[in-house]
C-alpha cells in the first residue's frame, strides 16, 4: 500500500505546486484581459470616429435633398 501512495504522489502535485500554477495562471489571465481591454478601447475609439464621419455624411445628404427639392420648386 505504501508503494501505491508513492506512485500516486509522483503524479499528483502538492498543494504548493498547485497554488504556484494557479497564481501563474491568474497572472497570465490578468495580462490577457488587460490586452483585450486595450484592444476594445481602440476599437471603441475607431467606432466613435466612424460614427462621427457617417453622421456628417448623413446630415450632408439631408441638406442636399432639401436643397435639391428647393431648386426643383424654383424652376417649375
N, C-alpha and C. Protein backbone atom coordinates (compact mmCIF):
# COMPACT_ATOMS: atom_id res chain seq x y z
N UNK A 1 0.82 -1.18 0.00
CA UNK A 1 0.00 0.00 0.00
C UNK A 1 0.86 1.25 0.00
N UNK A 2 1.94 1.24 0.71
CA UNK A 2 2.84 2.39 0.73
C UNK A 2 3.39 2.63 -0.67
N UNK A 3 3.62 1.54 -1.40
CA UNK A 3 4.11 1.66 -2.77
C UNK A 3 3.09 2.38 -3.66
N UNK A 4 1.81 2.12 -3.44
CA UNK A 4 0.74 2.78 -4.21
C UNK A 4 0.71 4.27 -3.92
N UNK A 5 0.88 4.68 -2.68
CA UNK A 5 0.90 6.10 -2.31
C UNK A 5 2.09 6.80 -2.93
N UNK A 6 3.23 6.13 -2.97
CA UNK A 6 4.43 6.72 -3.55
C UNK A 6 4.22 7.00 -5.03
N UNK A 7 3.62 6.07 -5.72
CA UNK A 7 3.35 6.26 -7.15
C UNK A 7 2.34 7.39 -7.34
N UNK A 8 1.31 7.42 -6.51
CA UNK A 8 0.30 8.46 -6.62
C UNK A 8 0.92 9.82 -6.33
N UNK A 9 1.78 9.93 -5.37
CA UNK A 9 2.42 11.20 -5.02
C UNK A 9 3.33 11.70 -6.13
N UNK A 10 3.91 10.80 -6.92
CA UNK A 10 4.76 11.23 -8.03
C UNK A 10 3.96 11.95 -9.10
N UNK A 11 2.71 11.54 -9.26
CA UNK A 11 1.88 12.10 -10.32
C UNK A 11 0.95 13.21 -9.84
N UNK A 12 0.71 13.30 -8.57
CA UNK A 12 -0.19 14.31 -8.04
C UNK A 12 0.64 15.49 -7.52
N UNK A 13 0.31 16.69 -7.97
CA UNK A 13 1.07 17.85 -7.49
C UNK A 13 0.75 18.15 -6.03
N UNK A 14 1.70 18.76 -5.37
CA UNK A 14 1.47 19.15 -3.98
C UNK A 14 0.60 20.40 -3.97
N UNK A 15 0.12 20.73 -2.80
CA UNK A 15 -0.71 21.94 -2.67
C UNK A 15 0.09 23.17 -3.08
N UNK A 16 1.35 23.21 -2.69
CA UNK A 16 2.20 24.35 -3.02
C UNK A 16 2.37 24.46 -4.54
N UNK A 17 2.61 23.34 -5.21
CA UNK A 17 2.76 23.35 -6.67
C UNK A 17 1.47 23.79 -7.34
N UNK A 18 0.37 23.31 -6.83
CA UNK A 18 -0.94 23.69 -7.38
C UNK A 18 -1.17 25.18 -7.21
N UNK A 19 -0.86 25.72 -6.05
CA UNK A 19 -1.03 27.15 -5.81
C UNK A 19 -0.11 27.97 -6.72
N UNK A 20 1.11 27.52 -6.93
CA UNK A 20 2.03 28.24 -7.81
C UNK A 20 1.50 28.26 -9.25
N UNK A 21 0.99 27.11 -9.69
CA UNK A 21 0.42 27.05 -11.04
C UNK A 21 -0.81 27.93 -11.16
N UNK A 22 -1.64 27.94 -10.14
CA UNK A 22 -2.85 28.76 -10.14
C UNK A 22 -2.49 30.25 -10.16
N UNK A 23 -1.52 30.63 -9.35
CA UNK A 23 -1.09 32.04 -9.33
C UNK A 23 -0.49 32.45 -10.67
N UNK A 24 0.30 31.58 -11.28
CA UNK A 24 0.87 31.87 -12.60
C UNK A 24 -0.25 32.01 -13.63
N UNK A 25 -1.23 31.14 -13.55
CA UNK A 25 -2.38 31.20 -14.46
C UNK A 25 -3.14 32.52 -14.28
N UNK A 26 -3.34 32.93 -13.05
CA UNK A 26 -4.04 34.18 -12.78
C UNK A 26 -3.27 35.38 -13.33
N UNK A 27 -1.93 35.36 -13.20
CA UNK A 27 -1.11 36.46 -13.75
C UNK A 27 -1.26 36.52 -15.28
N UNK A 28 -1.18 35.36 -15.91
CA UNK A 28 -1.32 35.31 -17.37
C UNK A 28 -2.69 35.80 -17.81
N UNK A 29 -3.72 35.41 -17.11
CA UNK A 29 -5.07 35.84 -17.45
C UNK A 29 -5.22 37.35 -17.26
N UNK A 30 -4.63 37.87 -16.20
CA UNK A 30 -4.71 39.32 -15.96
C UNK A 30 -4.08 40.08 -17.12
N UNK A 31 -2.93 39.61 -17.59
CA UNK A 31 -2.26 40.25 -18.73
C UNK A 31 -3.12 40.12 -19.98
N UNK A 32 -3.66 38.95 -20.20
CA UNK A 32 -4.50 38.70 -21.38
C UNK A 32 -5.72 39.61 -21.37
N UNK A 33 -6.40 39.71 -20.23
CA UNK A 33 -7.61 40.55 -20.15
C UNK A 33 -7.27 42.03 -20.27
N UNK A 34 -6.12 42.43 -19.77
CA UNK A 34 -5.69 43.83 -19.92
C UNK A 34 -5.49 44.14 -21.41
N UNK A 35 -4.87 43.22 -22.13
CA UNK A 35 -4.67 43.43 -23.57
C UNK A 35 -6.00 43.44 -24.32
N UNK A 36 -6.93 42.61 -23.91
CA UNK A 36 -8.25 42.60 -24.53
C UNK A 36 -8.94 43.94 -24.29
N UNK A 37 -8.85 44.46 -23.08
CA UNK A 37 -9.46 45.76 -22.77
C UNK A 37 -8.85 46.87 -23.64
N UNK A 38 -7.53 46.84 -23.80
CA UNK A 38 -6.88 47.85 -24.64
C UNK A 38 -7.39 47.77 -26.07
N UNK A 39 -7.51 46.56 -26.59
CA UNK A 39 -7.99 46.38 -27.97
C UNK A 39 -9.44 46.84 -28.10
N UNK A 40 -10.25 46.56 -27.11
CA UNK A 40 -11.64 47.02 -27.14
C UNK A 40 -11.72 48.54 -27.09
N UNK A 41 -10.87 49.15 -26.27
CA UNK A 41 -10.86 50.62 -26.19
C UNK A 41 -10.45 51.24 -27.52
N UNK A 42 -9.45 50.65 -28.19
CA UNK A 42 -9.04 51.15 -29.51
C UNK A 42 -10.17 51.00 -30.51
N UNK A 43 -10.85 49.87 -30.47
CA UNK A 43 -11.97 49.64 -31.38
C UNK A 43 -13.10 50.61 -31.10
N UNK A 44 -13.33 50.91 -29.84
CA UNK A 44 -14.38 51.86 -29.46
C UNK A 44 -14.05 53.25 -30.00
N UNK A 45 -12.79 53.65 -29.91
CA UNK A 45 -12.38 54.96 -30.42
C UNK A 45 -12.54 55.01 -31.94
N UNK A 46 -12.18 53.93 -32.63
CA UNK A 46 -12.34 53.88 -34.08
C UNK A 46 -13.82 53.95 -34.45
N UNK A 47 -14.64 53.25 -33.70
CA UNK A 47 -16.08 53.25 -33.98
C UNK A 47 -16.65 54.65 -33.78
N UNK A 48 -16.23 55.35 -32.73
CA UNK A 48 -16.71 56.71 -32.49
C UNK A 48 -16.31 57.63 -33.63
N UNK A 49 -15.08 57.48 -34.14
CA UNK A 49 -14.63 58.30 -35.25
C UNK A 49 -15.46 58.01 -36.50
N UNK A 50 -15.72 56.74 -36.77
CA UNK A 50 -16.54 56.37 -37.92
C UNK A 50 -17.96 56.89 -37.76
N UNK A 51 -18.49 56.82 -36.57
CA UNK A 51 -19.84 57.29 -36.30
C UNK A 51 -19.94 58.80 -36.57
N UNK A 52 -18.96 59.55 -36.13
CA UNK A 52 -18.96 60.99 -36.37
C UNK A 52 -18.88 61.30 -37.87
N UNK A 53 -18.06 60.53 -38.58
CA UNK A 53 -17.92 60.75 -40.02
C UNK A 53 -19.23 60.44 -40.74
N UNK A 54 -19.85 59.33 -40.42
CA UNK A 54 -21.10 58.96 -41.08
C UNK A 54 -22.23 59.92 -40.72
N UNK A 55 -22.21 60.45 -39.51
CA UNK A 55 -23.22 61.44 -39.12
C UNK A 55 -23.10 62.68 -40.00
N UNK A 56 -21.88 63.10 -40.26
CA UNK A 56 -21.67 64.26 -41.15
C UNK A 56 -22.17 63.94 -42.55
N UNK A 57 -21.90 62.74 -43.04
CA UNK A 57 -22.36 62.36 -44.37
C UNK A 57 -23.89 62.35 -44.45
N UNK A 58 -24.52 61.83 -43.43
CA UNK A 58 -25.98 61.76 -43.43
C UNK A 58 -26.58 63.17 -43.38
N UNK A 59 -26.01 64.03 -42.52
CA UNK A 59 -26.50 65.40 -42.47
C UNK A 59 -26.29 66.11 -43.80
N UNK A 60 -25.16 65.87 -44.43
CA UNK A 60 -24.90 66.45 -45.75
C UNK A 60 -25.90 65.95 -46.78
N UNK A 61 -26.27 64.70 -46.69
CA UNK A 61 -27.25 64.13 -47.61
C UNK A 61 -28.62 64.78 -47.39
N UNK A 62 -29.00 65.00 -46.15
CA UNK A 62 -30.26 65.68 -45.86
C UNK A 62 -30.26 67.09 -46.46
N UNK A 63 -29.17 67.80 -46.27
CA UNK A 63 -29.07 69.16 -46.83
C UNK A 63 -29.18 69.10 -48.34
N UNK A 64 -28.51 68.16 -48.96
CA UNK A 64 -28.56 68.02 -50.42
C UNK A 64 -29.99 67.75 -50.89
N UNK A 65 -30.70 66.89 -50.21
CA UNK A 65 -32.08 66.58 -50.58
C UNK A 65 -32.97 67.82 -50.44
N UNK A 66 -32.81 68.52 -49.34
CA UNK A 66 -33.62 69.73 -49.12
C UNK A 66 -33.32 70.79 -50.17
N UNK A 67 -32.03 71.00 -50.44
CA UNK A 67 -31.63 71.99 -51.45
C UNK A 67 -32.13 71.56 -52.83
N UNK A 68 -32.00 70.30 -53.16
CA UNK A 68 -32.46 69.82 -54.47
C UNK A 68 -33.96 70.01 -54.62
N UNK A 69 -34.70 69.76 -53.54
CA UNK A 69 -36.14 69.95 -53.57
C UNK A 69 -36.48 71.43 -53.76
N UNK A 70 -35.76 72.31 -53.08
CA UNK A 70 -35.99 73.75 -53.22
C UNK A 70 -35.64 74.25 -54.61
N UNK A 71 -34.55 73.78 -55.16
CA UNK A 71 -34.14 74.20 -56.52
C UNK A 71 -35.16 73.71 -57.53
N UNK A 72 -35.65 72.51 -57.37
CA UNK A 72 -36.66 71.96 -58.28
C UNK A 72 -37.93 72.81 -58.25
N UNK A 73 -38.31 73.30 -57.09
CA UNK A 73 -39.53 74.13 -56.98
C UNK A 73 -39.30 75.51 -57.60
N UNK A 74 -38.08 76.02 -57.59
CA UNK A 74 -37.79 77.32 -58.20
C UNK A 74 -37.97 77.28 -59.72
N UNK A 75 -37.65 76.16 -60.33
CA UNK A 75 -37.68 76.11 -61.79
C UNK A 75 -38.99 75.53 -62.34
N UNK A 76 -39.96 75.21 -61.52
CA UNK A 76 -41.25 74.71 -62.02
C UNK A 76 -42.36 75.62 -61.67
